[in-house]
């Protein structure tokens, strides 16, 4: 009941606040680099326990090659960083190789981004595209268990042995090509797999994976976690960190906050800070052409790249209002945002 009330109040506050956009005339604050997360399709070939059901190859919506070339690809001339694959499986996009070629033509300077995938579709052709295109600095593979039983119970439809073989092949081809691309495991932490995190570090090192990162289970672990589970998190994050140091592999574990430690939110609000002010400006492009913002003060997308140029979206009142929100948060709304709940004052890894 409490969550439903908070959700209703959250929406109501944001809806009222949204009226400010109509008369907003402020200048655009400067200083943020642009990081674009994008999905060119809305399908996935597996059904993970923590995800909502996704479309398959037949039902998935994709940005058509013509629309991508005429309306979408120009946005990459303005980005400072990018991530291909956000909520869906990017290697299911039928024109993936052509899209990568067009993106490469638009990127400025030596800009390189990341790709996030589930590892099941990393066949030889896809591996060659990732390594030879030169536009990726990192391939992040979602890997949620050190052992077959846990992995396949969480990542339903994925085959542990197949993904491990694909990763090993990617590492081997990277070494043959003398490519500096970083291959990374990303583990969504949950009670089912937290005890296996140290052993996942060992598996990654054995395969030649460069780094391991963790991801919180959304939305459960973005607030306060129960003290008993918090203790388990701290124990295994620390063990994973120590093993990574021993095996000389990079490890980054996210931080959590126990219910007993509720100081950080108040301190951050008292200082009138938004977590996004300290970071590049992160936007997301969805397969229907909409540009989304992480700011919870904005109701709905910033615009649609199919109908407007990115320059027009950036010049809109909604976009300028969003940037102003980052620098001047609405405390009633922002206190509900997980960006005000980053518990770096209570680290899980010492």
Protein backbone atom coordinates (compact mmCIF):
# COMPACT_ATOMS: atom_id res chain seq x y z
CA UNK A 1 0.00 0.00 0.00
CA UNK A 2 2.81 2.42 0.94
CA UNK A 3 4.50 1.87 -2.43
CA UNK A 4 1.23 2.54 -4.29
CA UNK A 5 0.66 5.78 -2.37
CA UNK A 6 4.24 6.92 -3.00
CA UNK A 7 3.89 6.06 -6.69
CA UNK A 8 0.66 8.07 -6.96
CA UNK A 9 2.18 11.05 -5.13
CA UNK A 10 5.29 10.82 -7.27
CA UNK A 11 3.24 11.00 -10.46
CA UNK A 12 1.02 13.80 -9.11
CA UNK A 13 3.95 15.95 -8.04
CA UNK A 14 5.68 15.48 -11.36
CA UNK A 15 2.51 16.25 -13.29
CA UNK A 16 2.07 19.54 -11.43
CA UNK A 17 5.74 20.39 -11.81
CA UNK A 18 5.50 19.66 -15.54
CA UNK A 19 3.34 22.76 -16.00
CA UNK A 20 6.47 24.85 -15.44
CA UNK A 21 7.79 23.76 -18.84
CA UNK A 22 5.07 25.73 -20.63
CA UNK A 23 6.46 29.06 -19.47
CA UNK A 24 10.11 28.07 -18.98
CA UNK A 25 12.50 30.58 -20.59
CA UNK A 26 15.79 29.78 -18.89
CA UNK A 27 19.13 29.36 -20.63
CA UNK A 28 20.68 25.93 -21.07
CA UNK A 29 23.22 25.11 -18.33
CA UNK A 30 26.50 23.96 -19.89
CA UNK A 31 29.24 21.53 -18.99
CA UNK A 32 27.62 18.11 -19.46
CA UNK A 33 29.01 15.67 -21.98
CA UNK A 34 26.42 13.65 -23.88
CA UNK A 35 26.14 9.91 -23.28
CA UNK A 36 23.56 8.10 -25.44
CA UNK A 37 22.10 4.71 -24.53
CA UNK A 38 20.18 3.31 -27.49
CA UNK A 39 18.11 0.34 -28.57
CA UNK A 40 17.43 -0.23 -32.26
CA UNK A 41 14.99 -3.08 -31.51
CA UNK A 42 12.73 -4.10 -28.63
CA UNK A 43 13.26 -7.86 -28.64
CA UNK A 44 15.21 -10.37 -26.60
CA UNK A 45 15.84 -14.06 -27.25
CA UNK A 46 15.85 -15.06 -23.56
CA UNK A 47 13.51 -14.45 -20.62
CA UNK A 48 15.42 -13.46 -17.49
CA UNK A 49 13.63 -13.71 -14.14
CA UNK A 50 14.26 -10.02 -13.31
CA UNK A 51 13.04 -8.66 -16.66
CA UNK A 52 9.62 -8.06 -18.13
CA UNK A 53 8.69 -10.22 -21.10
CA UNK A 54 10.25 -9.03 -24.36
CA UNK A 55 9.26 -9.48 -27.99
CA UNK A 56 10.77 -12.22 -30.14
CA UNK A 57 12.30 -12.10 -33.64
CA UNK A 58 8.86 -12.06 -35.28
CA UNK A 59 7.12 -9.48 -33.07
CA UNK A 60 10.00 -7.13 -32.23
CA UNK A 61 9.84 -3.52 -33.40
CA UNK A 62 12.96 -2.31 -35.19
CA UNK A 63 14.11 1.03 -36.53
CA UNK A 64 14.13 0.54 -40.28
CA UNK A 65 17.49 0.94 -42.08
CA UNK A 66 16.13 3.84 -44.16
CA UNK A 67 14.82 5.75 -41.13
CA UNK A 68 18.03 5.06 -39.25
CA UNK A 69 20.14 6.44 -42.10
CA UNK A 70 17.96 9.50 -42.73
CA UNK A 71 16.76 10.54 -39.27
CA UNK A 72 18.67 8.79 -36.52
CA UNK A 73 22.35 8.35 -37.30
CA UNK A 74 23.09 12.11 -37.25
CA UNK A 75 22.73 12.11 -33.47
CA UNK A 76 26.02 10.19 -33.21
CA UNK A 77 27.92 13.21 -34.51
CA UNK A 78 27.13 14.95 -31.20
CA UNK A 79 27.75 12.18 -28.65
CA UNK A 80 30.80 11.89 -26.38
CA UNK A 81 30.03 8.31 -25.38
CA UNK A 82 27.40 5.71 -26.22
CA UNK A 83 26.04 2.34 -25.20
CA UNK A 84 24.41 0.02 -27.73
CA UNK A 85 21.88 -2.13 -25.91
CA UNK A 86 20.00 -0.81 -22.92
CA UNK A 87 16.81 -2.76 -22.26
CA UNK A 88 16.87 -5.29 -25.12
CA UNK A 89 19.24 -7.59 -27.04
CA UNK A 90 21.08 -5.51 -29.69
CA UNK A 91 22.46 -8.48 -31.63
CA UNK A 92 18.88 -9.39 -32.62
CA UNK A 93 18.72 -6.25 -34.77
CA UNK A 94 18.61 -7.59 -38.36
CA UNK A 95 20.72 -4.76 -39.85
CA UNK A 96 23.26 -4.59 -37.04
CA UNK A 97 26.35 -4.55 -39.28
CA UNK A 98 24.99 -1.72 -41.49
CA UNK A 99 24.03 0.33 -38.43
CA UNK A 100 27.54 -0.02 -36.98
CA UNK A 101 29.06 1.08 -40.29
CA UNK A 102 26.86 4.22 -40.40
CA UNK A 103 27.55 5.07 -36.77
CA UNK A 104 31.29 4.83 -37.40
CA UNK A 105 31.00 7.40 -40.20
CA UNK A 106 29.33 9.90 -37.85
CA UNK A 107 31.40 9.62 -34.68
CA UNK A 108 33.70 12.54 -33.97
CA UNK A 109 37.38 12.11 -33.22
CA UNK A 110 38.32 8.93 -31.39
CA UNK A 111 34.94 8.37 -29.72
CA UNK A 112 34.35 4.74 -28.79
CA UNK A 113 31.38 3.30 -26.93
CA UNK A 114 30.11 0.09 -25.37
CA UNK A 115 27.85 -2.78 -26.31
CA UNK A 116 25.73 -4.68 -23.78
CA UNK A 117 24.49 -8.12 -24.81
CA UNK A 118 23.54 -11.47 -23.30
CA UNK A 119 26.30 -13.41 -25.07
CA UNK A 120 24.05 -15.98 -26.74
CA UNK A 121 24.33 -14.46 -30.23
CA UNK A 122 28.07 -13.77 -30.27
CA UNK A 123 28.70 -15.92 -33.34
CA UNK A 124 31.74 -15.46 -35.56
CA UNK A 125 30.21 -12.74 -37.75
CA UNK A 126 29.11 -10.66 -34.77
CA UNK A 127 32.48 -11.11 -33.06
CA UNK A 128 34.25 -9.84 -36.15
CA UNK A 129 32.01 -6.78 -36.36
CA UNK A 130 32.67 -5.89 -32.73
CA UNK A 131 36.42 -6.29 -33.02
CA UNK A 132 37.02 -4.88 -36.50
CA UNK A 133 34.65 -1.89 -36.45
CA UNK A 134 36.91 -0.03 -34.03
CA UNK A 135 34.02 1.87 -32.42
CA UNK A 136 33.71 -0.24 -29.27
CA UNK A 137 35.94 0.15 -26.24
CA UNK A 138 33.93 -2.38 -24.22
CA UNK A 139 31.71 -5.42 -24.76
CA UNK A 140 29.70 -6.01 -21.60
CA UNK A 141 28.15 -9.47 -21.32
CA UNK A 142 25.34 -10.00 -18.82
CA UNK A 143 26.37 -13.03 -16.77
CA UNK A 144 24.35 -13.74 -13.63
CA UNK A 145 25.87 -16.84 -12.07
CA UNK A 146 29.21 -18.57 -11.83
CA UNK A 147 27.66 -22.01 -12.28
CA UNK A 148 25.39 -23.58 -14.87
CA UNK A 149 22.40 -24.23 -12.62
CA UNK A 150 22.25 -20.69 -11.24
CA UNK A 151 22.99 -19.05 -14.58
CA UNK A 152 20.29 -20.95 -16.47
CA UNK A 153 17.72 -20.54 -13.68
CA UNK A 154 18.11 -16.75 -13.83
CA UNK A 155 18.77 -16.28 -17.55
CA UNK A 156 16.01 -18.54 -18.79
CA UNK A 157 16.57 -19.66 -22.37
CA UNK A 158 20.32 -19.03 -22.34
CA UNK A 159 22.70 -21.99 -22.34
CA UNK A 160 25.63 -21.64 -19.96
CA UNK A 161 28.04 -23.74 -22.03
CA UNK A 162 27.19 -21.87 -25.23
CA UNK A 163 27.72 -18.44 -23.69
CA UNK A 164 31.00 -19.51 -22.07
CA UNK A 165 32.19 -20.84 -25.45
CA UNK A 166 31.17 -17.60 -27.19
CA UNK A 167 33.06 -15.53 -24.62
CA UNK A 168 36.16 -17.71 -24.97
CA UNK A 169 36.01 -17.32 -28.75
CA UNK A 170 35.63 -13.54 -28.45
CA UNK A 171 38.68 -13.36 -26.18
CA UNK A 172 40.71 -15.52 -28.58
CA UNK A 173 39.77 -13.42 -31.63
CA UNK A 174 40.51 -10.23 -29.72
CA UNK A 175 44.01 -11.51 -28.91
CA UNK A 176 44.65 -12.61 -32.50
CA UNK A 177 43.66 -9.16 -33.74
CA UNK A 178 45.73 -7.42 -31.02
CA UNK A 179 42.59 -5.45 -30.19
CA UNK A 180 42.37 -3.39 -27.01
CA UNK A 181 38.63 -3.88 -26.55
CA UNK A 182 37.63 -4.58 -22.93
CA UNK A 183 35.52 -7.70 -22.40
CA UNK A 184 33.45 -7.46 -19.25
CA UNK A 185 30.99 -9.56 -17.25
CA UNK A 186 28.12 -7.65 -15.66
CA UNK A 187 26.24 -9.49 -12.92
CA UNK A 188 22.80 -8.43 -11.69
CA UNK A 189 23.09 -9.13 -7.98
CA UNK A 190 20.23 -10.95 -6.25
CA UNK A 191 19.87 -13.45 -3.39
CA UNK A 192 20.09 -16.36 -5.86
CA UNK A 193 23.62 -15.52 -7.02
CA UNK A 194 25.35 -13.26 -4.48
CA UNK A 195 27.21 -16.19 -2.87
CA UNK A 196 28.70 -17.06 -6.29
CA UNK A 197 30.15 -13.61 -6.97
CA UNK A 198 33.72 -14.49 -5.87
CA UNK A 199 33.63 -17.61 -8.07
CA UNK A 200 32.38 -15.50 -10.99
CA UNK A 201 35.61 -13.51 -10.64
CA UNK A 202 37.55 -16.77 -10.98
CA UNK A 203 35.56 -17.83 -14.05
CA UNK A 204 36.12 -14.44 -15.69
CA UNK A 205 39.88 -14.63 -15.06
CA UNK A 206 40.04 -18.19 -16.43
CA UNK A 207 38.29 -17.08 -19.63
CA UNK A 208 40.48 -14.01 -20.11
CA UNK A 209 37.68 -11.54 -19.38
CA UNK A 210 39.13 -8.16 -18.41
CA UNK A 211 36.67 -6.97 -15.78
CA UNK A 212 33.56 -7.75 -13.74
CA UNK A 213 30.95 -5.24 -12.64
CA UNK A 214 27.71 -5.61 -10.72
CA UNK A 215 24.23 -4.22 -11.26
CA UNK A 216 21.55 -3.71 -8.64
CA UNK A 217 18.23 -5.51 -8.86
CA UNK A 218 15.79 -2.77 -9.85
CA UNK A 219 13.90 -1.35 -8.05
CA UNK A 220 14.30 -3.43 -4.88
CA UNK A 221 17.93 -2.65 -4.08
CA UNK A 222 18.01 1.05 -4.99
CA UNK A 223 16.67 2.00 -1.58
CA UNK A 224 17.38 0.54 1.83
CA UNK A 225 18.07 -3.19 1.98
CA UNK A 226 17.32 -5.41 4.96
CA UNK A 227 20.25 -5.62 7.39
CA UNK A 228 20.72 -9.39 7.07
CA UNK A 229 20.93 -9.24 3.28
CA UNK A 230 23.15 -6.19 3.51
CA UNK A 231 25.63 -8.21 5.58
CA UNK A 232 25.64 -10.95 2.91
CA UNK A 233 26.23 -8.32 0.22
CA UNK A 234 29.16 -6.78 2.09
CA UNK A 235 30.74 -10.17 2.78
CA UNK A 236 30.62 -11.37 -0.82
CA UNK A 237 31.50 -8.02 -2.40
CA UNK A 238 34.59 -7.92 -0.19
CA UNK A 239 35.50 -11.51 -1.06
CA UNK A 240 35.06 -10.76 -4.76
CA UNK A 241 37.22 -7.66 -4.46
CA UNK A 242 40.01 -9.59 -2.74
CA UNK A 243 39.91 -12.40 -5.29
CA UNK A 244 39.95 -9.92 -8.17
CA UNK A 245 43.04 -8.25 -6.71
CA UNK A 246 44.72 -11.66 -6.37
CA UNK A 247 43.85 -12.70 -9.93
CA UNK A 248 44.66 -9.23 -11.32
CA UNK A 249 41.23 -8.64 -12.80
CA UNK A 250 39.28 -5.40 -12.45
CA UNK A 251 36.20 -5.54 -10.26
CA UNK A 252 33.65 -2.82 -9.54
CA UNK A 253 30.89 -3.63 -7.08
CA UNK A 254 27.96 -1.30 -6.54
CA UNK A 255 27.27 0.10 -3.12
CA UNK A 256 24.27 -0.60 -0.93
CA UNK A 257 22.70 0.93 2.14
CA UNK A 258 21.19 -0.92 5.06
CA UNK A 259 17.86 0.22 6.46
CA UNK A 260 19.59 1.34 9.65
CA UNK A 261 21.74 3.85 7.73
CA UNK A 262 19.26 6.43 6.42
CA UNK A 263 21.47 9.51 6.67
CA UNK A 264 22.70 9.89 3.13
CA UNK A 265 19.39 10.88 1.48
CA UNK A 266 18.84 13.73 3.91
CA UNK A 267 22.42 14.97 3.50
CA UNK A 268 22.16 14.97 -0.26
CA UNK A 269 18.83 16.79 -0.25
CA UNK A 270 20.16 19.32 2.25
CA UNK A 271 22.98 20.08 -0.19
CA UNK A 272 20.50 20.42 -3.08
CA UNK A 273 22.35 17.96 -5.30
CA UNK A 274 21.24 15.77 -8.19
CA UNK A 275 23.33 12.72 -9.02
CA UNK A 276 23.24 13.55 -12.72
CA UNK A 277 24.94 16.93 -12.26
CA UNK A 278 28.20 15.10 -11.53
CA UNK A 279 27.95 12.86 -14.59
CA UNK A 280 27.66 13.15 -18.36
CA UNK A 281 24.14 13.87 -19.57
CA UNK A 282 22.62 10.44 -20.18
CA UNK A 283 19.81 10.12 -22.72
CA UNK A 284 18.14 7.01 -24.12
CA UNK A 285 16.91 6.42 -27.65
CA UNK A 286 14.15 3.80 -27.89
CA UNK A 287 13.17 1.82 -31.03
CA UNK A 288 10.10 4.04 -31.57
CA UNK A 289 12.35 7.08 -32.03
CA UNK A 290 11.68 8.74 -28.68
CA UNK A 291 14.48 10.40 -26.72
CA UNK A 292 14.07 9.77 -22.99
CA UNK A 293 15.59 11.47 -19.97
CA UNK A 294 16.48 9.93 -16.60
CA UNK A 295 15.04 13.01 -14.84
CA UNK A 296 11.86 12.12 -12.96
CA UNK A 297 10.64 15.72 -13.09
CA UNK A 298 10.00 15.29 -16.82
CA UNK A 299 6.81 13.40 -17.67
CA UNK A 300 7.20 11.63 -21.02
CA UNK A 301 9.99 11.75 -23.64
CA UNK A 302 11.91 14.86 -24.70
CA UNK A 303 11.00 14.41 -28.36
CA UNK A 304 11.03 12.00 -31.28
CA UNK A 305 14.00 11.77 -33.60
CA UNK A 306 11.78 10.45 -36.41
CA UNK A 307 9.97 13.78 -36.63
CA UNK A 308 12.52 16.30 -35.37
CA UNK A 309 16.26 16.71 -35.69
CA UNK A 310 18.29 16.25 -32.54
CA UNK A 311 19.24 19.94 -32.71
CA UNK A 312 15.54 20.84 -32.54
CA UNK A 313 15.02 18.55 -29.53
CA UNK A 314 18.00 20.10 -27.73
CA UNK A 315 16.60 23.57 -28.40
CA UNK A 316 13.15 22.69 -27.00
CA UNK A 317 11.76 24.05 -23.72
CA UNK A 318 11.47 20.55 -22.37
CA UNK A 319 15.16 19.83 -22.91
CA UNK A 320 16.27 23.12 -21.36
CA UNK A 321 13.93 22.58 -18.42
CA UNK A 322 15.45 19.15 -17.84
CA UNK A 323 18.96 20.58 -17.63
CA UNK A 324 17.73 23.26 -15.27
CA UNK A 325 16.19 20.53 -13.08
CA UNK A 326 19.58 18.81 -12.73
CA UNK A 327 21.05 22.00 -11.28
CA UNK A 328 17.97 23.08 -9.31
CA UNK A 329 16.23 19.93 -8.04
CA UNK A 330 12.67 19.88 -6.77
CA UNK A 331 13.17 18.33 -3.35
CA UNK A 332 9.63 16.96 -3.09
CA UNK A 333 10.06 15.02 -6.33
CA UNK A 334 13.76 14.30 -6.35
CA UNK A 335 13.74 12.62 -2.94
CA UNK A 336 11.88 9.74 -4.64
CA UNK A 337 14.56 9.31 -7.32
CA UNK A 338 17.19 6.60 -6.88
CA UNK A 339 19.84 9.12 -7.93
CA UNK A 340 19.33 10.62 -4.47
CA UNK A 341 19.92 7.22 -2.90
CA UNK A 342 23.51 6.53 -3.96
CA UNK A 343 24.98 5.32 -0.66
CA UNK A 344 28.63 6.14 -1.25
CA UNK A 345 28.80 7.12 2.41
CA UNK A 346 28.09 3.46 3.30
CA UNK A 347 30.25 1.39 0.92
CA UNK A 348 29.75 -2.33 0.49
CA UNK A 349 33.37 -2.75 -0.58
CA UNK A 350 36.03 -1.32 1.70
